[in-house]
Amino acid sequence: MSLLSHFDRLQTMRDQMEERLDLDEAGISGSGRMDYRRRRDLRDRIAEISEEIFALEQRSRCSLQY
């Protein structure tokens, strides 16, 4: 998998997770409300993905400089 496709995949995953969390918090989730632990785990996973995206951005910037 190329760096760009991995980056796109991560962004899509993060966007979908954020949307699911937003819908749940708004009370319009189709599958019922998530419990506290599930929301916390989802937020943690979103943070992990965001960190990975940031690392990929930094790596791509460094490679563009050389």
PDB file of N, CA and C in Angstrom:
ATOM      1  N   MET A   1       0.849  -1.167   0.000  1.00  0.00           N
ATOM      2  CA  MET A   1       0.000   0.000   0.000  1.00  0.00           C
ATOM      3  C   MET A   1       0.902   1.239   0.000  1.00  0.00           C
ATOM      4  N   SER A   2       0.603   2.151  -0.873  1.00  0.00           N
ATOM      5  CA  SER A   2       1.404   3.371  -0.948  1.00  0.00           C
ATOM      6  C   SER A   2       1.125   4.262   0.261  1.00  0.00           C
ATOM      7  N   LEU A   3       2.042   5.164   0.502  1.00  0.00           N
ATOM      8  CA  LEU A   3       1.902   6.092   1.621  1.00  0.00           C
ATOM      9  C   LEU A   3       0.637   6.937   1.470  1.00  0.00           C
ATOM     10  N   LEU A   4       0.372   7.387   0.255  1.00  0.00           N
ATOM     11  CA  LEU A   4      -0.807   8.221   0.012  1.00  0.00           C
ATOM     12  C   LEU A   4      -2.106   7.451   0.251  1.00  0.00           C
ATOM     13  N   SER A   5      -2.172   6.217  -0.213  1.00  0.00           N
ATOM     14  CA  SER A   5      -3.408   5.451  -0.010  1.00  0.00           C
ATOM     15  C   SER A   5      -3.593   5.099   1.467  1.00  0.00           C
ATOM     16  N   HIS A   6      -2.499   4.843   2.174  1.00  0.00           N
ATOM     17  CA  HIS A   6      -2.587   4.581   3.613  1.00  0.00           C
ATOM     18  C   HIS A   6      -3.091   5.835   4.341  1.00  0.00           C
ATOM     19  N   PHE A   7      -2.563   6.984   3.957  1.00  0.00           N
ATOM     20  CA  PHE A   7      -2.975   8.265   4.529  1.00  0.00           C
ATOM     21  C   PHE A   7      -4.469   8.494   4.289  1.00  0.00           C
ATOM     22  N   ASP A   8      -4.915   8.287   3.066  1.00  0.00           N
ATOM     23  CA  ASP A   8      -6.340   8.459   2.729  1.00  0.00           C
ATOM     24  C   ASP A   8      -7.224   7.502   3.526  1.00  0.00           C
ATOM     25  N   ARG A   9      -6.766   6.254   3.652  1.00  0.00           N
ATOM     26  CA  ARG A   9      -7.525   5.253   4.392  1.00  0.00           C
ATOM     27  C   ARG A   9      -7.673   5.662   5.859  1.00  0.00           C
ATOM     28  N   LEU A  10      -6.581   6.143   6.451  1.00  0.00           N
ATOM     29  CA  LEU A  10      -6.633   6.580   7.847  1.00  0.00           C
ATOM     30  C   LEU A  10      -7.574   7.768   8.029  1.00  0.00           C
ATOM     31  N   GLN A  11      -7.505   8.727   7.113  1.00  0.00           N
ATOM     32  CA  GLN A  11      -8.391   9.889   7.211  1.00  0.00           C
ATOM     33  C   GLN A  11      -9.855   9.479   7.096  1.00  0.00           C
ATOM     34  N   THR A  12     -10.138   8.564   6.185  1.00  0.00           N
ATOM     35  CA  THR A  12     -11.510   8.085   6.013  1.00  0.00           C
ATOM     36  C   THR A  12     -11.994   7.375   7.270  1.00  0.00           C
ATOM     37  N   MET A  13     -11.136   6.514   7.838  1.00  0.00           N
ATOM     38  CA  MET A  13     -11.504   5.812   9.071  1.00  0.00           C
ATOM     39  C   MET A  13     -11.792   6.797  10.196  1.00  0.00           C
ATOM     40  N   ARG A  14     -10.918   7.793  10.347  1.00  0.00           N
ATOM     41  CA  ARG A  14     -11.096   8.785  11.411  1.00  0.00           C
ATOM     42  C   ARG A  14     -12.395   9.569  11.201  1.00  0.00           C
ATOM     43  N   ASP A  15     -12.642   9.984   9.964  1.00  0.00           N
ATOM     44  CA  ASP A  15     -13.867  10.735   9.667  1.00  0.00           C
ATOM     45  C   ASP A  15     -15.115   9.918   9.987  1.00  0.00           C
ATOM     46  N   GLN A  16     -15.097   8.634   9.628  1.00  0.00           N
ATOM     47  CA  GLN A  16     -16.250   7.772   9.896  1.00  0.00           C
ATOM     48  C   GLN A  16     -16.466   7.580  11.392  1.00  0.00           C
ATOM     49  N   MET A  17     -15.364   7.409  12.126  1.00  0.00           N
ATOM     50  CA  MET A  17     -15.481   7.241  13.577  1.00  0.00           C
ATOM     51  C   MET A  17     -15.990   8.514  14.242  1.00  0.00           C
ATOM     52  N   GLU A  18     -15.493   9.661  13.797  1.00  0.00           N
ATOM     53  CA  GLU A  18     -15.959  10.933  14.349  1.00  0.00           C
ATOM     54  C   GLU A  18     -17.437  11.143  14.050  1.00  0.00           C
ATOM     55  N   GLU A  19     -17.855  10.773  12.847  1.00  0.00           N
ATOM     56  CA  GLU A  19     -19.264  10.905  12.487  1.00  0.00           C
ATOM     57  C   GLU A  19     -20.134  10.000  13.357  1.00  0.00           C
ATOM     58  N   ARG A  20     -19.683   8.777  13.575  1.00  0.00           N
ATOM     59  CA  ARG A  20     -20.430   7.840  14.418  1.00  0.00           C
ATOM     60  C   ARG A  20     -20.561   8.389  15.842  1.00  0.00           C
ATOM     61  N   LEU A  21     -19.466   8.952  16.354  1.00  0.00           N
ATOM     62  CA  LEU A  21     -19.485   9.533  17.695  1.00  0.00           C
ATOM     63  C   LEU A  21     -20.417  10.742  17.759  1.00  0.00           C
ATOM     64  N   ASP A  22     -20.353  11.602  16.745  1.00  0.00           N
ATOM     65  CA  ASP A  22     -21.232  12.779  16.695  1.00  0.00           C
ATOM     66  C   ASP A  22     -22.703  12.375  16.659  1.00  0.00           C
ATOM     67  N   LEU A  23     -23.019  11.386  15.831  1.00  0.00           N
ATOM     68  CA  LEU A  23     -24.406  10.926  15.736  1.00  0.00           C
ATOM     69  C   LEU A  23     -24.881  10.338  17.056  1.00  0.00           C
ATOM     70  N   ASP A  24     -24.009   9.578  17.698  1.00  0.00           N
ATOM     71  CA  ASP A  24     -24.375   8.983  18.979  1.00  0.00           C
ATOM     72  C   ASP A  24     -24.609  10.063  20.025  1.00  0.00           C
ATOM     73  N   GLU A  25     -23.718  11.051  20.069  1.00  0.00           N
ATOM     74  CA  GLU A  25     -23.862  12.123  21.053  1.00  0.00           C
ATOM     75  C   GLU A  25     -25.104  12.972  20.786  1.00  0.00           C
ATOM     76  N   ALA A  26     -25.508  13.057  19.520  1.00  0.00           N
ATOM     77  CA  ALA A  26     -26.718  13.804  19.170  1.00  0.00           C
ATOM     78  C   ALA A  26     -27.984  12.977  19.396  1.00  0.00           C
ATOM     79  N   GLY A  27     -27.791  11.688  19.678  1.00  0.00           N
ATOM     80  CA  GLY A  27     -28.934  10.823  19.942  1.00  0.00           C
ATOM     81  C   GLY A  27     -29.640  10.332  18.703  1.00  0.00           C
ATOM     82  N   ILE A  28     -28.972  10.401  17.548  1.00  0.00           N
ATOM     83  CA  ILE A  28     -29.610   9.950  16.306  1.00  0.00           C
ATOM     84  C   ILE A  28     -28.874   8.769  15.683  1.00  0.00           C
ATOM     85  N   SER A  29     -28.201   8.012  16.511  1.00  0.00           N
ATOM     86  CA  SER A  29     -27.519   6.810  16.040  1.00  0.00           C
ATOM     87  C   SER A  29     -28.557   5.724  15.794  1.00  0.00           C
ATOM     88  N   GLY A  30     -28.439   5.047  14.680  1.00  0.00           N
ATOM     89  CA  GLY A  30     -29.413   4.027  14.323  1.00  0.00           C
ATOM     90  C   GLY A  30     -29.346   2.780  15.183  1.00  0.00           C
ATOM     91  N   SER A  31     -28.194   2.523  15.798  1.00  0.00           N
ATOM     92  CA  SER A  31     -28.032   1.275  16.546  1.00  0.00           C
ATOM     93  C   SER A  31     -28.163   1.465  18.056  1.00  0.00           C
ATOM     94  N   GLY A  32     -28.720   2.568  18.478  1.00  0.00           N
ATOM     95  CA  GLY A  32     -28.865   2.822  19.912  1.00  0.00           C
ATOM     96  C   GLY A  32     -27.633   3.513  20.478  1.00  0.00           C
ATOM     97  N   ARG A  33     -27.771   4.039  21.662  1.00  0.00           N
ATOM     98  CA  ARG A  33     -26.686   4.800  22.286  1.00  0.00           C
ATOM     99  C   ARG A  33     -25.545   3.886  22.720  1.00  0.00           C
ATOM    100  N   MET A  34     -24.320   4.402  22.544  1.00  0.00           N
ATOM    101  CA  MET A  34     -23.141   3.691  23.020  1.00  0.00           C
ATOM    102  C   MET A  34     -22.987   3.960  24.512  1.00  0.00           C
ATOM    103  N   ASP A  35     -22.429   2.986  25.220  1.00  0.00           N
ATOM    104  CA  ASP A  35     -22.150   3.227  26.629  1.00  0.00           C
ATOM    105  C   ASP A  35     -20.856   4.038  26.765  1.00  0.00           C
ATOM    106  N   TYR A  36     -20.591   4.463  27.992  1.00  0.00           N
ATOM    107  CA  TYR A  36     -19.437   5.330  28.254  1.00  0.00           C
ATOM    108  C   TYR A  36     -18.136   4.698  27.776  1.00  0.00           C
ATOM    109  N   ARG A  37     -17.933   3.428  28.088  1.00  0.00           N
ATOM    110  CA  ARG A  37     -16.685   2.744  27.729  1.00  0.00           C
ATOM    111  C   ARG A  37     -16.497   2.699  26.214  1.00  0.00           C
ATOM    112  N   ARG A  38     -17.552   2.414  25.496  1.00  0.00           N
ATOM    113  CA  ARG A  38     -17.449   2.335  24.032  1.00  0.00           C
ATOM    114  C   ARG A  38     -17.134   3.707  23.431  1.00  0.00           C
ATOM    115  N   ARG A  39     -17.769   4.761  23.935  1.00  0.00           N
ATOM    116  CA  ARG A  39     -17.462   6.118  23.456  1.00  0.00           C
ATOM    117  C   ARG A  39     -16.022   6.493  23.771  1.00  0.00           C
ATOM    118  N   ARG A  40     -15.567   6.155  24.988  1.00  0.00           N
ATOM    119  CA  ARG A  40     -14.188   6.446  25.376  1.00  0.00           C
ATOM    120  C   ARG A  40     -13.201   5.702  24.476  1.00  0.00           C
ATOM    121  N   ASP A  41     -13.466   4.420  24.226  1.00  0.00           N
ATOM    122  CA  ASP A  41     -12.596   3.632  23.354  1.00  0.00           C
ATOM    123  C   ASP A  41     -12.564   4.207  21.940  1.00  0.00           C
ATOM    124  N   LEU A  42     -13.712   4.660  21.465  1.00  0.00           N
ATOM    125  CA  LEU A  42     -13.781   5.250  20.132  1.00  0.00           C
ATOM    126  C   LEU A  42     -12.988   6.557  20.084  1.00  0.00           C
ATOM    127  N   ARG A  43     -13.112   7.375  21.125  1.00  0.00           N
ATOM    128  CA  ARG A  43     -12.321   8.617  21.188  1.00  0.00           C
ATOM    129  C   ARG A  43     -10.824   8.312  21.230  1.00  0.00           C
ATOM    130  N   ASP A  44     -10.442   7.282  21.995  1.00  0.00           N
ATOM    131  CA  ASP A  44      -9.032   6.887  22.067  1.00  0.00           C
ATOM    132  C   ASP A  44      -8.521   6.441  20.705  1.00  0.00           C
ATOM    133  N   ARG A  45      -9.333   5.670  19.995  1.00  0.00           N
ATOM    134  CA  ARG A  45      -8.923   5.193  18.665  1.00  0.00           C
ATOM    135  C   ARG A  45      -8.815   6.362  17.689  1.00  0.00           C
ATOM    136  N   ILE A  46      -9.727   7.320  17.765  1.00  0.00           N
ATOM    137  CA  ILE A  46      -9.658   8.513  16.918  1.00  0.00           C
ATOM    138  C   ILE A  46      -8.364   9.264  17.197  1.00  0.00           C
ATOM    139  N   ALA A  47      -7.994   9.382  18.464  1.00  0.00           N
ATOM    140  CA  ALA A  47      -6.752  10.067  18.829  1.00  0.00           C
ATOM    141  C   ALA A  47      -5.536   9.324  18.283  1.00  0.00           C
ATOM    142  N   GLU A  48      -5.538   7.994  18.364  1.00  0.00           N
ATOM    143  CA  GLU A  48      -4.429   7.198  17.828  1.00  0.00           C
ATOM    144  C   GLU A  48      -4.288   7.402  16.322  1.00  0.00           C
ATOM    145  N   ILE A  49      -5.403   7.375  15.627  1.00  0.00           N
ATOM    146  CA  ILE A  49      -5.375   7.565  14.178  1.00  0.00           C
ATOM    147  C   ILE A  49      -4.890   8.968  13.844  1.00  0.00           C
ATOM    148  N   SER A  50      -5.332   9.962  14.600  1.00  0.00           N
ATOM    149  CA  SER A  50      -4.886  11.339  14.366  1.00  0.00           C
ATOM    150  C   SER A  50      -3.379  11.460  14.555  1.00  0.00           C
ATOM    151  N   GLU A  51      -2.845  10.788  15.569  1.00  0.00           N
ATOM    152  CA  GLU A  51      -1.397  10.798  15.789  1.00  0.00           C
ATOM    153  C   GLU A  51      -0.664  10.137  14.628  1.00  0.00           C
ATOM    154  N   GLU A  52      -1.202   9.042  14.128  1.00  0.00           N
ATOM    155  CA  GLU A  52      -0.574   8.359  13.003  1.00  0.00           C
ATOM    156  C   GLU A  52      -0.616   9.232  11.748  1.00  0.00           C
ATOM    157  N   ILE A  53      -1.734   9.905  11.527  1.00  0.00           N
ATOM    158  CA  ILE A  53      -1.846  10.822  10.387  1.00  0.00           C
ATOM    159  C   ILE A  53      -0.812  11.939  10.516  1.00  0.00           C
ATOM    160  N   PHE A  54      -0.676  12.499  11.717  1.00  0.00           N
ATOM    161  CA  PHE A  54       0.300  13.557  11.952  1.00  0.00           C
ATOM    162  C   PHE A  54       1.718  13.058  11.660  1.00  0.00           C
ATOM    163  N   ALA A  55       2.038  11.848  12.109  1.00  0.00           N
ATOM    164  CA  ALA A  55       3.366  11.280  11.862  1.00  0.00           C
ATOM    165  C   ALA A  55       3.610  11.092  10.365  1.00  0.00           C
ATOM    166  N   LEU A  56       2.602  10.644   9.643  1.00  0.00           N
ATOM    167  CA  LEU A  56       2.740  10.482   8.192  1.00  0.00           C
ATOM    168  C   LEU A  56       2.947  11.827   7.511  1.00  0.00           C
ATOM    169  N   GLU A  57       2.222  12.846   7.976  1.00  0.00           N
ATOM    170  CA  GLU A  57       2.399  14.187   7.406  1.00  0.00           C
ATOM    171  C   GLU A  57       3.815  14.687   7.643  1.00  0.00           C
ATOM    172  N   GLN A  58       4.328  14.469   8.847  1.00  0.00           N
ATOM    173  CA  GLN A  58       5.689  14.903   9.164  1.00  0.00           C
ATOM    174  C   GLN A  58       6.707  14.158   8.309  1.00  0.00           C
ATOM    175  N   ARG A  59       6.506  12.861   8.164  1.00  0.00           N
ATOM    176  CA  ARG A  59       7.426  12.052   7.363  1.00  0.00           C
ATOM    177  C   ARG A  59       7.407  12.497   5.906  1.00  0.00           C
ATOM    178  N   SER A  60       6.231  12.809   5.385  1.00  0.00           N
ATOM    179  CA  SER A  60       6.159  13.234   3.982  1.00  0.00           C
ATOM    180  C   SER A  60       6.795  14.605   3.797  1.00  0.00           C
ATOM    181  N   ARG A  61       6.651  15.483   4.776  1.00  0.00           N
ATOM    182  CA  ARG A  61       7.297  16.801   4.689  1.00  0.00           C
ATOM    183  C   ARG A  61       8.808  16.669   4.705  1.00  0.00           C
ATOM    184  N   CYS A  62       9.314  15.786   5.552  1.00  0.00           N
ATOM    185  CA  CYS A  62      10.764  15.579   5.620  1.00  0.00           C
ATOM    186  C   CYS A  62      11.292  15.016   4.309  1.00  0.00           C
ATOM    187  N   SER A  63      10.557  14.094   3.714  1.00  0.00           N
ATOM    188  CA  SER A  63      11.026  13.500   2.461  1.00  0.00           C
ATOM    189  C   SER A  63      10.957  14.501   1.313  1.00  0.00           C
ATOM    190  N   LEU A  64      10.050  15.479   1.386  1.00  0.00           N
ATOM    191  CA  LEU A  64       9.962  16.499   0.342  1.00  0.00           C
ATOM    192  C   LEU A  64      11.106  17.498   0.433  1.00  0.00           C
ATOM    193  N   GLN A  65      11.665  17.660   1.621  1.00  0.00           N
ATOM    194  CA  GLN A  65      12.756  18.607   1.802  1.00  0.00           C
ATOM    195  C   GLN A  65      14.052  18.104   1.186  1.00  0.00           C
ATOM    196  N   TYR A  66      14.186  16.801   1.044  1.00  0.00           N
ATOM    197  CA  TYR A  66      15.446  16.241   0.531  1.00  0.00           C
ATOM    198  C   TYR A  66      15.377  15.896  -0.915  1.00  0.00           C
TER     199      TYR A  66
END
